[in-house]
């Protein structure tokens, strides 16, 4: 086989890699939780920490920075003592939230069906 037949076309790599990178950022467990939690208006760090079960302070900080860098969150620092910081969704993130809301609704509607399917599958796979 010639080398020309095994290379991925440059145009395909240019298009696919950024899409995969974007999806990795916005579809992560913590990113979705942050976007959903911030959808109802400006939210403070401690509110996010309480709302998103299981997230550590460090993981929350890293994900907030990543979402801000990607243009999905706006961080507003108020000049008070101690400083007050709020996070809010950008218009781009609000559009994403609309899509995520459909996915969340679907998951809620089919949670029991998926649990049943898993139980049937697991029962069929286990030796009698």
C-alpha atoms as a PDB file:
ATOM      1  CA  UNK A   1       0.000   0.000   0.000  1.00  0.00           C
ATOM      2  CA  UNK A   2       1.375   3.411  -0.884  1.00  0.00           C
ATOM      3  CA  UNK A   3       1.892   6.097   1.726  1.00  0.00           C
ATOM      4  CA  UNK A   4      -0.639   8.311  -0.058  1.00  0.00           C
ATOM      5  CA  UNK A   5      -3.414   5.832   0.744  1.00  0.00           C
ATOM      6  CA  UNK A   6      -2.732   5.674   4.486  1.00  0.00           C
ATOM      7  CA  UNK A   7      -2.503   9.375   5.319  1.00  0.00           C
ATOM      8  CA  UNK A   8      -5.526  11.181   6.660  1.00  0.00           C
ATOM      9  CA  UNK A   9      -6.238  14.148   4.416  1.00  0.00           C
ATOM     10  CA  UNK A  10      -5.055  17.435   5.939  1.00  0.00           C
ATOM     11  CA  UNK A  11      -8.463  19.078   5.475  1.00  0.00           C
ATOM     12  CA  UNK A  12     -10.179  16.277   7.395  1.00  0.00           C
ATOM     13  CA  UNK A  13      -7.682  16.567  10.274  1.00  0.00           C
ATOM     14  CA  UNK A  14      -8.130  20.337  10.382  1.00  0.00           C
ATOM     15  CA  UNK A  15     -11.900  19.971  10.642  1.00  0.00           C
ATOM     16  CA  UNK A  16     -12.108  16.921  12.924  1.00  0.00           C
ATOM     17  CA  UNK A  17      -9.547  17.798  15.586  1.00  0.00           C
ATOM     18  CA  UNK A  18     -11.083  21.109  16.669  1.00  0.00           C
ATOM     19  CA  UNK A  19     -14.554  19.560  16.732  1.00  0.00           C
ATOM     20  CA  UNK A  20     -13.337  16.720  18.932  1.00  0.00           C
ATOM     21  CA  UNK A  21     -11.529  19.179  21.178  1.00  0.00           C
ATOM     22  CA  UNK A  22     -14.616  21.374  21.548  1.00  0.00           C
ATOM     23  CA  UNK A  23     -16.847  18.397  22.296  1.00  0.00           C
ATOM     24  CA  UNK A  24     -14.349  17.102  24.867  1.00  0.00           C
ATOM     25  CA  UNK A  25     -14.506  20.467  26.644  1.00  0.00           C
ATOM     26  CA  UNK A  26     -18.254  21.024  26.653  1.00  0.00           C
ATOM     27  CA  UNK A  27     -19.408  17.433  27.059  1.00  0.00           C
ATOM     28  CA  UNK A  28     -17.344  16.705  30.147  1.00  0.00           C
ATOM     29  CA  UNK A  29     -19.087  15.657  33.332  1.00  0.00           C
ATOM     30  CA  UNK A  30     -18.198  18.832  35.197  1.00  0.00           C
ATOM     31  CA  UNK A  31     -18.639  21.232  32.282  1.00  0.00           C
ATOM     32  CA  UNK A  32     -22.237  20.165  31.764  1.00  0.00           C
ATOM     33  CA  UNK A  33     -22.963  20.581  35.484  1.00  0.00           C
ATOM     34  CA  UNK A  34     -21.433  24.054  35.531  1.00  0.00           C
ATOM     35  CA  UNK A  35     -23.340  25.188  32.432  1.00  0.00           C
ATOM     36  CA  UNK A  36     -26.634  23.866  33.803  1.00  0.00           C
ATOM     37  CA  UNK A  37     -26.005  25.437  37.228  1.00  0.00           C
ATOM     38  CA  UNK A  38     -25.079  28.838  35.761  1.00  0.00           C
ATOM     39  CA  UNK A  39     -28.025  28.936  33.359  1.00  0.00           C
ATOM     40  CA  UNK A  40     -30.356  30.794  35.715  1.00  0.00           C
ATOM     41  CA  UNK A  41     -28.188  33.860  36.110  1.00  0.00           C
ATOM     42  CA  UNK A  42     -24.924  34.889  37.703  1.00  0.00           C
ATOM     43  CA  UNK A  43     -23.658  32.327  40.181  1.00  0.00           C
ATOM     44  CA  UNK A  44     -20.859  32.455  42.718  1.00  0.00           C
ATOM     45  CA  UNK A  45     -18.105  29.881  43.191  1.00  0.00           C
ATOM     46  CA  UNK A  46     -19.525  28.545  46.469  1.00  0.00           C
ATOM     47  CA  UNK A  47     -22.988  28.180  44.931  1.00  0.00           C
ATOM     48  CA  UNK A  48     -21.511  26.107  42.122  1.00  0.00           C
ATOM     49  CA  UNK A  49     -19.551  24.046  44.633  1.00  0.00           C
ATOM     50  CA  UNK A  50     -22.735  23.262  46.587  1.00  0.00           C
ATOM     51  CA  UNK A  51     -24.829  22.599  43.481  1.00  0.00           C
ATOM     52  CA  UNK A  52     -22.456  20.263  41.649  1.00  0.00           C
ATOM     53  CA  UNK A  53     -22.229  17.145  43.786  1.00  0.00           C
ATOM     54  CA  UNK A  54     -18.836  15.463  44.013  1.00  0.00           C
ATOM     55  CA  UNK A  55     -16.720  18.192  42.436  1.00  0.00           C
ATOM     56  CA  UNK A  56     -13.599  19.274  44.283  1.00  0.00           C
ATOM     57  CA  UNK A  57     -12.592  22.929  44.604  1.00  0.00           C
ATOM     58  CA  UNK A  58      -9.597  22.318  42.364  1.00  0.00           C
ATOM     59  CA  UNK A  59     -11.640  20.576  39.661  1.00  0.00           C
ATOM     60  CA  UNK A  60     -14.241  23.355  39.788  1.00  0.00           C
ATOM     61  CA  UNK A  61     -11.533  26.002  39.433  1.00  0.00           C
ATOM     62  CA  UNK A  62      -9.924  24.208  36.478  1.00  0.00           C
ATOM     63  CA  UNK A  63     -13.235  23.762  34.691  1.00  0.00           C
ATOM     64  CA  UNK A  64     -14.306  27.357  35.286  1.00  0.00           C
ATOM     65  CA  UNK A  65     -11.045  28.568  33.772  1.00  0.00           C
ATOM     66  CA  UNK A  66     -11.422  26.221  30.810  1.00  0.00           C
ATOM     67  CA  UNK A  67     -14.998  27.346  30.139  1.00  0.00           C
ATOM     68  CA  UNK A  68     -14.004  30.996  30.478  1.00  0.00           C
ATOM     69  CA  UNK A  69     -11.100  30.461  28.063  1.00  0.00           C
ATOM     70  CA  UNK A  70     -13.461  28.782  25.580  1.00  0.00           C
ATOM     71  CA  UNK A  71     -15.780  31.794  25.702  1.00  0.00           C
ATOM     72  CA  UNK A  72     -18.620  29.990  27.460  1.00  0.00           C
ATOM     73  CA  UNK A  73     -18.423  31.752  30.832  1.00  0.00           C
ATOM     74  CA  UNK A  74     -17.934  35.347  31.810  1.00  0.00           C
ATOM     75  CA  UNK A  75     -16.194  36.004  35.109  1.00  0.00           C
ATOM     76  CA  UNK A  76     -17.034  39.249  36.868  1.00  0.00           C
ATOM     77  CA  UNK A  77     -14.922  40.390  39.823  1.00  0.00           C
ATOM     78  CA  UNK A  78     -16.407  43.073  42.064  1.00  0.00           C
ATOM     79  CA  UNK A  79     -13.945  45.324  43.923  1.00  0.00           C
ATOM     80  CA  UNK A  80     -15.094  44.474  47.428  1.00  0.00           C
ATOM     81  CA  UNK A  81     -13.342  43.047  50.453  1.00  0.00           C
ATOM     82  CA  UNK A  82     -13.326  40.094  50.198  1.00  0.00           C
ATOM     83  CA  UNK A  83     -13.623  40.120  46.398  1.00  0.00           C
ATOM     84  CA  UNK A  84     -16.953  38.970  45.035  1.00  0.00           C
ATOM     85  CA  UNK A  85     -16.733  36.860  41.884  1.00  0.00           C
ATOM     86  CA  UNK A  86     -19.682  35.786  39.763  1.00  0.00           C
ATOM     87  CA  UNK A  87     -19.896  33.555  36.704  1.00  0.00           C
ATOM     88  CA  UNK A  88     -22.516  33.839  34.000  1.00  0.00           C
ATOM     89  CA  UNK A  89     -23.127  32.155  30.674  1.00  0.00           C
ATOM     90  CA  UNK A  90     -22.216  33.886  27.445  1.00  0.00           C
ATOM     91  CA  UNK A  91     -24.740  33.927  24.584  1.00  0.00           C
ATOM     92  CA  UNK A  92     -22.841  31.022  23.005  1.00  0.00           C
ATOM     93  CA  UNK A  93     -23.197  29.002  26.225  1.00  0.00           C
ATOM     94  CA  UNK A  94     -26.906  29.835  26.451  1.00  0.00           C
ATOM     95  CA  UNK A  95     -27.328  28.268  23.014  1.00  0.00           C
ATOM     96  CA  UNK A  96     -25.427  25.205  24.234  1.00  0.00           C
ATOM     97  CA  UNK A  97     -27.608  25.076  27.361  1.00  0.00           C
ATOM     98  CA  UNK A  98     -30.718  24.847  25.179  1.00  0.00           C
ATOM     99  CA  UNK A  99     -29.264  21.720  23.553  1.00  0.00           C
ATOM    100  CA  UNK A 100     -28.172  20.282  26.883  1.00  0.00           C
ATOM    101  CA  UNK A 101     -31.655  20.803  28.319  1.00  0.00           C
ATOM    102  CA  UNK A 102     -33.056  18.441  25.702  1.00  0.00           C
ATOM    103  CA  UNK A 103     -30.409  15.869  26.533  1.00  0.00           C
ATOM    104  CA  UNK A 104     -31.069  16.197  30.271  1.00  0.00           C
ATOM    105  CA  UNK A 105     -34.827  15.795  29.684  1.00  0.00           C
ATOM    106  CA  UNK A 106     -34.202  12.721  27.578  1.00  0.00           C
ATOM    107  CA  UNK A 107     -32.002  11.208  30.317  1.00  0.00           C
ATOM    108  CA  UNK A 108     -34.640  11.895  32.978  1.00  0.00           C
ATOM    109  CA  UNK A 109     -37.423  10.413  30.817  1.00  0.00           C
ATOM    110  CA  UNK A 110     -35.498   7.226  30.007  1.00  0.00           C
ATOM    111  CA  UNK A 111     -33.562   6.632  33.234  1.00  0.00           C
ATOM    112  CA  UNK A 112     -35.904   3.825  34.354  1.00  0.00           C
ATOM    113  CA  UNK A 113     -35.905   2.213  30.883  1.00  0.00           C
ATOM    114  CA  UNK A 114     -32.104   2.176  30.833  1.00  0.00           C
ATOM    115  CA  UNK A 115     -31.957   0.691  34.341  1.00  0.00           C
ATOM    116  CA  UNK A 116     -34.374  -2.074  33.255  1.00  0.00           C
ATOM    117  CA  UNK A 117     -32.388  -2.790  30.095  1.00  0.00           C
ATOM    118  CA  UNK A 118     -29.186  -3.045  32.130  1.00  0.00           C
ATOM    119  CA  UNK A 119     -30.804  -5.436  34.607  1.00  0.00           C
ATOM    120  CA  UNK A 120     -32.057  -7.680  31.769  1.00  0.00           C
ATOM    121  CA  UNK A 121     -28.661  -7.610  30.074  1.00  0.00           C
ATOM    122  CA  UNK A 122     -26.758  -8.328  33.294  1.00  0.00           C
ATOM    123  CA  UNK A 123     -29.126 -11.213  34.177  1.00  0.00           C
ATOM    124  CA  UNK A 124     -28.613 -12.761  30.721  1.00  0.00           C
ATOM    125  CA  UNK A 125     -24.804 -12.403  31.003  1.00  0.00           C
ATOM    126  CA  UNK A 126     -24.439 -13.895  34.472  1.00  0.00           C
ATOM    127  CA  UNK A 127     -24.092 -17.675  34.741  1.00  0.00           C
ATOM    128  CA  UNK A 128     -27.089 -19.431  36.233  1.00  0.00           C
END
